[in-house]
Amino acid sequence: MDEYKKEEEFRKILNSITLDDVINAVARGEKIRKNHEDNNDHKEIVNGFIYYRNNPDMTLHSIVKQILVDVGILKK
């Protein structure tokens, strides 16, 4: 993990990500969250964030999606 914490490596990774990659990641994040909800997985709340112990996910996809909607790349 230390190798990715260097600015040069981080920039290299960011430069390799396309907008399609970001859109696909948002869709995968939504699917993971929906699967948790559909399966009634046990929710834990940690520091105000919903957390699923059996397959953790984040809500970062929601924030990124809102940005893409706000700039007109995705429809709401």
PDB file of N, CA and C in Angstrom:
ATOM      1  N   MET A   1       0.817  -1.189   0.000  1.00  0.00           N
ATOM      2  CA  MET A   1       0.000   0.000   0.000  1.00  0.00           C
ATOM      3  C   MET A   1       0.866   1.261   0.000  1.00  0.00           C
ATOM      4  N   ASP A   2       2.035   1.189   0.622  1.00  0.00           N
ATOM      5  CA  ASP A   2       2.897   2.364   0.690  1.00  0.00           C
ATOM      6  C   ASP A   2       3.280   2.890  -0.691  1.00  0.00           C
ATOM      7  N   GLU A   3       3.411   1.976  -1.672  1.00  0.00           N
ATOM      8  CA  GLU A   3       3.806   2.416  -3.003  1.00  0.00           C
ATOM      9  C   GLU A   3       2.761   3.323  -3.651  1.00  0.00           C
ATOM     10  N   TYR A   4       1.481   3.175  -3.264  1.00  0.00           N
ATOM     11  CA  TYR A   4       0.422   3.985  -3.848  1.00  0.00           C
ATOM     12  C   TYR A   4       0.252   5.318  -3.126  1.00  0.00           C
ATOM     13  N   LYS A   5       0.917   5.486  -2.003  1.00  0.00           N
ATOM     14  CA  LYS A   5       0.789   6.715  -1.230  1.00  0.00           C
ATOM     15  C   LYS A   5       1.753   7.795  -1.710  1.00  0.00           C
ATOM     16  N   LYS A   6       2.548   7.489  -2.683  1.00  0.00           N
ATOM     17  CA  LYS A   6       3.456   8.477  -3.252  1.00  0.00           C
ATOM     18  C   LYS A   6       2.712   9.279  -4.310  1.00  0.00           C
ATOM     19  N   GLU A   7       2.905  10.591  -4.303  1.00  0.00           N
ATOM     20  CA  GLU A   7       2.165  11.467  -5.209  1.00  0.00           C
ATOM     21  C   GLU A   7       2.339  11.055  -6.670  1.00  0.00           C
ATOM     22  N   GLU A   8       3.535  10.720  -7.065  1.00  0.00           N
ATOM     23  CA  GLU A   8       3.789  10.333  -8.458  1.00  0.00           C
ATOM     24  C   GLU A   8       2.952   9.114  -8.857  1.00  0.00           C
ATOM     25  N   GLU A   9       2.887   8.114  -7.980  1.00  0.00           N
ATOM     26  CA  GLU A   9       2.097   6.919  -8.263  1.00  0.00           C
ATOM     27  C   GLU A   9       0.607   7.245  -8.302  1.00  0.00           C
ATOM     28  N   PHE A  10       0.173   8.076  -7.369  1.00  0.00           N
ATOM     29  CA  PHE A  10      -1.234   8.467  -7.319  1.00  0.00           C
ATOM     30  C   PHE A  10      -1.627   9.196  -8.592  1.00  0.00           C
ATOM     31  N   ARG A  11      -0.802  10.120  -9.046  1.00  0.00           N
ATOM     32  CA  ARG A  11      -1.093  10.845 -10.290  1.00  0.00           C
ATOM     33  C   ARG A  11      -1.116   9.905 -11.492  1.00  0.00           C
ATOM     34  N   LYS A  12      -0.227   8.930 -11.508  1.00  0.00           N
ATOM     35  CA  LYS A  12      -0.188   7.963 -12.606  1.00  0.00           C
ATOM     36  C   LYS A  12      -1.504   7.173 -12.659  1.00  0.00           C
ATOM     37  N   ILE A  13      -1.986   6.778 -11.495  1.00  0.00           N
ATOM     38  CA  ILE A  13      -3.248   6.041 -11.435  1.00  0.00           C
ATOM     39  C   ILE A  13      -4.395   6.932 -11.889  1.00  0.00           C
ATOM     40  N   LEU A  14      -4.451   8.159 -11.384  1.00  0.00           N
ATOM     41  CA  LEU A  14      -5.521   9.074 -11.784  1.00  0.00           C
ATOM     42  C   LEU A  14      -5.517   9.337 -13.281  1.00  0.00           C
ATOM     43  N   ASN A  15      -4.348   9.442 -13.866  1.00  0.00           N
ATOM     44  CA  ASN A  15      -4.251   9.698 -15.306  1.00  0.00           C
ATOM     45  C   ASN A  15      -4.707   8.508 -16.142  1.00  0.00           C
ATOM     46  N   SER A  16      -4.761   7.326 -15.543  1.00  0.00           N
ATOM     47  CA  SER A  16      -5.171   6.145 -16.299  1.00  0.00           C
ATOM     48  C   SER A  16      -6.679   5.888 -16.210  1.00  0.00           C
ATOM     49  N   ILE A  17      -7.383   6.622 -15.347  1.00  0.00           N
ATOM     50  CA  ILE A  17      -8.820   6.426 -15.164  1.00  0.00           C
ATOM     51  C   ILE A  17      -9.589   7.290 -16.158  1.00  0.00           C
ATOM     52  N   THR A  18     -10.553   6.665 -16.830  1.00  0.00           N
ATOM     53  CA  THR A  18     -11.382   7.406 -17.785  1.00  0.00           C
ATOM     54  C   THR A  18     -12.719   7.771 -17.141  1.00  0.00           C
ATOM     55  N   LEU A  19     -13.444   8.655 -17.784  1.00  0.00           N
ATOM     56  CA  LEU A  19     -14.780   9.010 -17.312  1.00  0.00           C
ATOM     57  C   LEU A  19     -15.691   7.781 -17.309  1.00  0.00           C
ATOM     58  N   ASP A  20     -15.549   6.927 -18.308  1.00  0.00           N
ATOM     59  CA  ASP A  20     -16.334   5.688 -18.340  1.00  0.00           C
ATOM     60  C   ASP A  20     -16.020   4.810 -17.126  1.00  0.00           C
ATOM     61  N   ASP A  21     -14.752   4.767 -16.717  1.00  0.00           N
ATOM     62  CA  ASP A  21     -14.384   4.013 -15.520  1.00  0.00           C
ATOM     63  C   ASP A  21     -15.122   4.544 -14.294  1.00  0.00           C
ATOM     64  N   VAL A  22     -15.199   5.851 -14.177  1.00  0.00           N
ATOM     65  CA  VAL A  22     -15.876   6.476 -13.041  1.00  0.00           C
ATOM     66  C   VAL A  22     -17.376   6.167 -13.076  1.00  0.00           C
ATOM     67  N   ILE A  23     -17.982   6.294 -14.239  1.00  0.00           N
ATOM     68  CA  ILE A  23     -19.414   6.005 -14.384  1.00  0.00           C
ATOM     69  C   ILE A  23     -19.702   4.548 -14.045  1.00  0.00           C
ATOM     70  N   ASN A  24     -18.857   3.640 -14.514  1.00  0.00           N
ATOM     71  CA  ASN A  24     -19.030   2.218 -14.205  1.00  0.00           C
ATOM     72  C   ASN A  24     -18.847   1.938 -12.714  1.00  0.00           C
ATOM     73  N   ALA A  25     -17.912   2.617 -12.080  1.00  0.00           N
ATOM     74  CA  ALA A  25     -17.700   2.443 -10.638  1.00  0.00           C
ATOM     75  C   ALA A  25     -18.914   2.920  -9.851  1.00  0.00           C
ATOM     76  N   VAL A  26     -19.526   4.005 -10.273  1.00  0.00           N
ATOM     77  CA  VAL A  26     -20.745   4.500  -9.626  1.00  0.00           C
ATOM     78  C   VAL A  26     -21.847   3.448  -9.743  1.00  0.00           C
ATOM     79  N   ALA A  27     -22.009   2.883 -10.926  1.00  0.00           N
ATOM     80  CA  ALA A  27     -23.040   1.860 -11.136  1.00  0.00           C
ATOM     81  C   ALA A  27     -22.776   0.639 -10.265  1.00  0.00           C
ATOM     82  N   ARG A  28     -21.516   0.220 -10.165  1.00  0.00           N
ATOM     83  CA  ARG A  28     -21.188  -0.931  -9.315  1.00  0.00           C
ATOM     84  C   ARG A  28     -21.466  -0.617  -7.846  1.00  0.00           C
ATOM     85  N   GLY A  29     -21.147   0.602  -7.410  1.00  0.00           N
ATOM     86  CA  GLY A  29     -21.427   1.003  -6.034  1.00  0.00           C
ATOM     87  C   GLY A  29     -22.914   0.966  -5.730  1.00  0.00           C
ATOM     88  N   GLU A  30     -23.722   1.431  -6.672  1.00  0.00           N
ATOM     89  CA  GLU A  30     -25.179   1.393  -6.489  1.00  0.00           C
ATOM     90  C   GLU A  30     -25.678  -0.051  -6.412  1.00  0.00           C
ATOM     91  N   LYS A  31     -25.117  -0.911  -7.238  1.00  0.00           N
ATOM     92  CA  LYS A  31     -25.529  -2.316  -7.243  1.00  0.00           C
ATOM     93  C   LYS A  31     -25.163  -2.994  -5.917  1.00  0.00           C
ATOM     94  N   ILE A  32     -23.981  -2.741  -5.416  1.00  0.00           N
ATOM     95  CA  ILE A  32     -23.562  -3.321  -4.141  1.00  0.00           C
ATOM     96  C   ILE A  32     -24.491  -2.859  -3.028  1.00  0.00           C
ATOM     97  N   ARG A  33     -24.782  -1.556  -2.981  1.00  0.00           N
ATOM     98  CA  ARG A  33     -25.659  -1.026  -1.935  1.00  0.00           C
ATOM     99  C   ARG A  33     -27.063  -1.636  -2.059  1.00  0.00           C
ATOM    100  N   LYS A  34     -27.577  -1.745  -3.294  1.00  0.00           N
ATOM    101  CA  LYS A  34     -28.913  -2.321  -3.494  1.00  0.00           C
ATOM    102  C   LYS A  34     -28.946  -3.779  -3.052  1.00  0.00           C
ATOM    103  N   ASN A  35     -27.895  -4.536  -3.352  1.00  0.00           N
ATOM    104  CA  ASN A  35     -27.831  -5.929  -2.919  1.00  0.00           C
ATOM    105  C   ASN A  35     -27.888  -6.036  -1.401  1.00  0.00           C
ATOM    106  N   HIS A  36     -27.183  -5.155  -0.700  1.00  0.00           N
ATOM    107  CA  HIS A  36     -27.237  -5.146   0.761  1.00  0.00           C
ATOM    108  C   HIS A  36     -28.659  -4.906   1.241  1.00  0.00           C
ATOM    109  N   GLU A  37     -29.310  -3.930   0.643  1.00  0.00           N
ATOM    110  CA  GLU A  37     -30.673  -3.587   1.061  1.00  0.00           C
ATOM    111  C   GLU A  37     -31.648  -4.716   0.726  1.00  0.00           C
ATOM    112  N   ASP A  38     -31.522  -5.293  -0.470  1.00  0.00           N
ATOM    113  CA  ASP A  38     -32.414  -6.381  -0.881  1.00  0.00           C
ATOM    114  C   ASP A  38     -32.250  -7.620   0.003  1.00  0.00           C
ATOM    115  N   ASN A  39     -31.031  -7.862   0.466  1.00  0.00           N
ATOM    116  CA  ASN A  39     -30.745  -9.034   1.291  1.00  0.00           C
ATOM    117  C   ASN A  39     -30.962  -8.775   2.777  1.00  0.00           C
ATOM    118  N   ASN A  40     -31.409  -7.556   3.099  1.00  0.00           N
ATOM    119  CA  ASN A  40     -31.590  -7.176   4.500  1.00  0.00           C
ATOM    120  C   ASN A  40     -30.342  -7.448   5.334  1.00  0.00           C
ATOM    121  N   ASP A  41     -29.183  -7.162   4.747  1.00  0.00           N
ATOM    122  CA  ASP A  41     -27.929  -7.345   5.472  1.00  0.00           C
ATOM    123  C   ASP A  41     -27.913  -6.467   6.710  1.00  0.00           C
ATOM    124  N   HIS A  42     -27.223  -6.949   7.728  1.00  0.00           N
ATOM    125  CA  HIS A  42     -27.145  -6.221   8.994  1.00  0.00           C
ATOM    126  C   HIS A  42     -26.341  -4.937   8.814  1.00  0.00           C
ATOM    127  N   LYS A  43     -26.959  -3.816   9.161  1.00  0.00           N
ATOM    128  CA  LYS A  43     -26.307  -2.514   9.070  1.00  0.00           C
ATOM    129  C   LYS A  43     -25.667  -2.169  10.405  1.00  0.00           C
ATOM    130  N   GLU A  44     -24.504  -1.602  10.323  1.00  0.00           N
ATOM    131  CA  GLU A  44     -23.884  -1.009  11.495  1.00  0.00           C
ATOM    132  C   GLU A  44     -23.663   0.456  11.150  1.00  0.00           C
ATOM    133  N   ILE A  45     -23.761   1.292  12.141  1.00  0.00           N
ATOM    134  CA  ILE A  45     -23.496   2.709  11.921  1.00  0.00           C
ATOM    135  C   ILE A  45     -22.227   3.077  12.671  1.00  0.00           C
ATOM    136  N   VAL A  46     -21.253   3.553  11.932  1.00  0.00           N
ATOM    137  CA  VAL A  46     -19.964   3.942  12.498  1.00  0.00           C
ATOM    138  C   VAL A  46     -19.721   5.395  12.130  1.00  0.00           C
ATOM    139  N   ASN A  47     -19.620   6.248  13.130  1.00  0.00           N
ATOM    140  CA  ASN A  47     -19.400   7.680  12.904  1.00  0.00           C
ATOM    141  C   ASN A  47     -20.413   8.273  11.932  1.00  0.00           C
ATOM    142  N   GLY A  48     -21.647   7.804  11.999  1.00  0.00           N
ATOM    143  CA  GLY A  48     -22.707   8.345  11.165  1.00  0.00           C
ATOM    144  C   GLY A  48     -22.801   7.731   9.774  1.00  0.00           C
ATOM    145  N   PHE A  49     -21.953   6.764   9.461  1.00  0.00           N
ATOM    146  CA  PHE A  49     -21.966   6.128   8.147  1.00  0.00           C
ATOM    147  C   PHE A  49     -22.503   4.711   8.272  1.00  0.00           C
ATOM    148  N   ILE A  50     -23.327   4.304   7.309  1.00  0.00           N
ATOM    149  CA  ILE A  50     -23.841   2.938   7.287  1.00  0.00           C
ATOM    150  C   ILE A  50     -22.736   2.011   6.797  1.00  0.00           C
ATOM    151  N   TYR A  51     -22.597   0.910   7.474  1.00  0.00           N
ATOM    152  CA  TYR A  51     -21.509  -0.021   7.214  1.00  0.00           C
ATOM    153  C   TYR A  51     -22.064  -1.436   7.247  1.00  0.00           C
ATOM    154  N   TYR A  52     -21.726  -2.237   6.262  1.00  0.00           N
ATOM    155  CA  TYR A  52     -22.131  -3.638   6.225  1.00  0.00           C
ATOM    156  C   TYR A  52     -20.894  -4.484   6.476  1.00  0.00           C
ATOM    157  N   ARG A  53     -20.907  -5.219   7.576  1.00  0.00           N
ATOM    158  CA  ARG A  53     -19.724  -5.972   7.984  1.00  0.00           C
ATOM    159  C   ARG A  53     -19.384  -7.095   7.003  1.00  0.00           C
ATOM    160  N   ASN A  54     -20.393  -7.791   6.441  1.00  0.00           N
ATOM    161  CA  ASN A  54     -20.116  -8.957   5.607  1.00  0.00           C
ATOM    162  C   ASN A  54     -19.507  -8.599   4.250  1.00  0.00           C
ATOM    163  N   ASN A  55     -19.747  -7.401   3.756  1.00  0.00           N
ATOM    164  CA  ASN A  55     -19.152  -6.957   2.490  1.00  0.00           C
ATOM    165  C   ASN A  55     -19.194  -5.435   2.505  1.00  0.00           C
ATOM    166  N   PRO A  56     -18.209  -4.832   3.147  1.00  0.00           N
ATOM    167  CA  PRO A  56     -18.263  -3.369   3.318  1.00  0.00           C
ATOM    168  C   PRO A  56     -18.369  -2.640   1.993  1.00  0.00           C
ATOM    169  N   ASP A  57     -19.157  -1.587   2.010  1.00  0.00           N
ATOM    170  CA  ASP A  57     -19.217  -0.685   0.875  1.00  0.00           C
ATOM    171  C   ASP A  57     -19.193   0.728   1.430  1.00  0.00           C
ATOM    172  N   MET A  58     -19.095   1.677   0.531  1.00  0.00           N
ATOM    173  CA  MET A  58     -19.065   3.067   0.944  1.00  0.00           C
ATOM    174  C   MET A  58     -20.154   3.816   0.193  1.00  0.00           C
ATOM    175  N   THR A  59     -20.361   5.048   0.591  1.00  0.00           N
ATOM    176  CA  THR A  59     -21.344   5.871  -0.099  1.00  0.00           C
ATOM    177  C   THR A  59     -20.667   6.861  -1.043  1.00  0.00           C
ATOM    178  N   LEU A  60     -19.382   6.671  -1.276  1.00  0.00           N
ATOM    179  CA  LEU A  60     -18.658   7.575  -2.163  1.00  0.00           C
ATOM    180  C   LEU A  60     -19.307   7.632  -3.540  1.00  0.00           C
ATOM    181  N   HIS A  61     -19.845   6.505  -4.007  1.00  0.00           N
ATOM    182  CA  HIS A  61     -20.484   6.496  -5.325  1.00  0.00           C
ATOM    183  C   HIS A  61     -21.646   7.491  -5.388  1.00  0.00           C
ATOM    184  N   SER A  62     -22.338   7.686  -4.270  1.00  0.00           N
ATOM    185  CA  SER A  62     -23.465   8.628  -4.242  1.00  0.00           C
ATOM    186  C   SER A  62     -22.998  10.063  -4.457  1.00  0.00           C
ATOM    187  N   ILE A  63     -21.896  10.408  -3.836  1.00  0.00           N
ATOM    188  CA  ILE A  63     -21.346  11.759  -3.967  1.00  0.00           C
ATOM    189  C   ILE A  63     -20.835  11.987  -5.382  1.00  0.00           C
ATOM    190  N   VAL A  64     -20.111  11.014  -5.905  1.00  0.00           N
ATOM    191  CA  VAL A  64     -19.580  11.135  -7.270  1.00  0.00           C
ATOM    192  C   VAL A  64     -20.731  11.222  -8.266  1.00  0.00           C
ATOM    193  N   LYS A  65     -21.782  10.411  -8.062  1.00  0.00           N
ATOM    194  CA  LYS A  65     -22.933  10.467  -8.964  1.00  0.00           C
ATOM    195  C   LYS A  65     -23.575  11.851  -8.936  1.00  0.00           C
ATOM    196  N   GLN A  66     -23.722  12.435  -7.755  1.00  0.00           N
ATOM    197  CA  GLN A  66     -24.331  13.761  -7.655  1.00  0.00           C
ATOM    198  C   GLN A  66     -23.503  14.799  -8.400  1.00  0.00           C
ATOM    199  N   ILE A  67     -22.195  14.696  -8.314  1.00  0.00           N
ATOM    200  CA  ILE A  67     -21.320  15.609  -9.059  1.00  0.00           C
ATOM    201  C   ILE A  67     -21.548  15.429 -10.559  1.00  0.00           C
ATOM    202  N   LEU A  68     -21.602  14.173 -11.025  1.00  0.00           N
ATOM    203  CA  LEU A  68     -21.809  13.910 -12.455  1.00  0.00           C
ATOM    204  C   LEU A  68     -23.175  14.402 -12.918  1.00  0.00           C
ATOM    205  N   VAL A  69     -24.180  14.313 -12.056  1.00  0.00           N
ATOM    206  CA  VAL A  69     -25.509  14.849 -12.388  1.00  0.00           C
ATOM    207  C   VAL A  69     -25.445  16.373 -12.448  1.00  0.00           C
ATOM    208  N   ASP A  70     -24.820  16.983 -11.456  1.00  0.00           N
ATOM    209  CA  ASP A  70     -24.732  18.446 -11.385  1.00  0.00           C
ATOM    210  C   ASP A  70     -24.038  19.061 -12.599  1.00  0.00           C
ATOM    211  N   VAL A  71     -23.051  18.357 -13.137  1.00  0.00           N
ATOM    212  CA  VAL A  71     -22.333  18.904 -14.300  1.00  0.00           C
ATOM    213  C   VAL A  71     -22.931  18.443 -15.621  1.00  0.00           C
ATOM    214  N   GLY A  72     -24.023  17.669 -15.555  1.00  0.00           N
ATOM    215  CA  GLY A  72     -24.738  17.289 -16.770  1.00  0.00           C
ATOM    216  C   GLY A  72     -24.232  16.049 -17.475  1.00  0.00           C
ATOM    217  N   ILE A  73     -23.374  15.281 -16.828  1.00  0.00           N
ATOM    218  CA  ILE A  73     -22.854  14.060 -17.458  1.00  0.00           C
ATOM    219  C   ILE A  73     -23.842  12.907 -17.304  1.00  0.00           C
ATOM    220  N   LEU A  74     -24.487  12.825 -16.156  1.00  0.00           N
ATOM    221  CA  LEU A  74     -25.514  11.807 -15.907  1.00  0.00           C
ATOM    222  C   LEU A  74     -26.848  12.481 -15.668  1.00  0.00           C
ATOM    223  N   LYS A  75     -27.918  11.735 -15.945  1.00  0.00           N
ATOM    224  CA  LYS A  75     -29.260  12.219 -15.637  1.00  0.00           C
ATOM    225  C   LYS A  75     -29.625  11.730 -14.246  1.00  0.00           C
ATOM    226  N   LYS A  76     -30.414  12.514 -13.547  1.00  0.00           N
ATOM    227  CA  LYS A  76     -30.820  12.152 -12.192  1.00  0.00           C
ATOM    228  C   LYS A  76     -31.753  10.984 -12.197  1.00  0.00           C
TER     229      LYS A  76
END
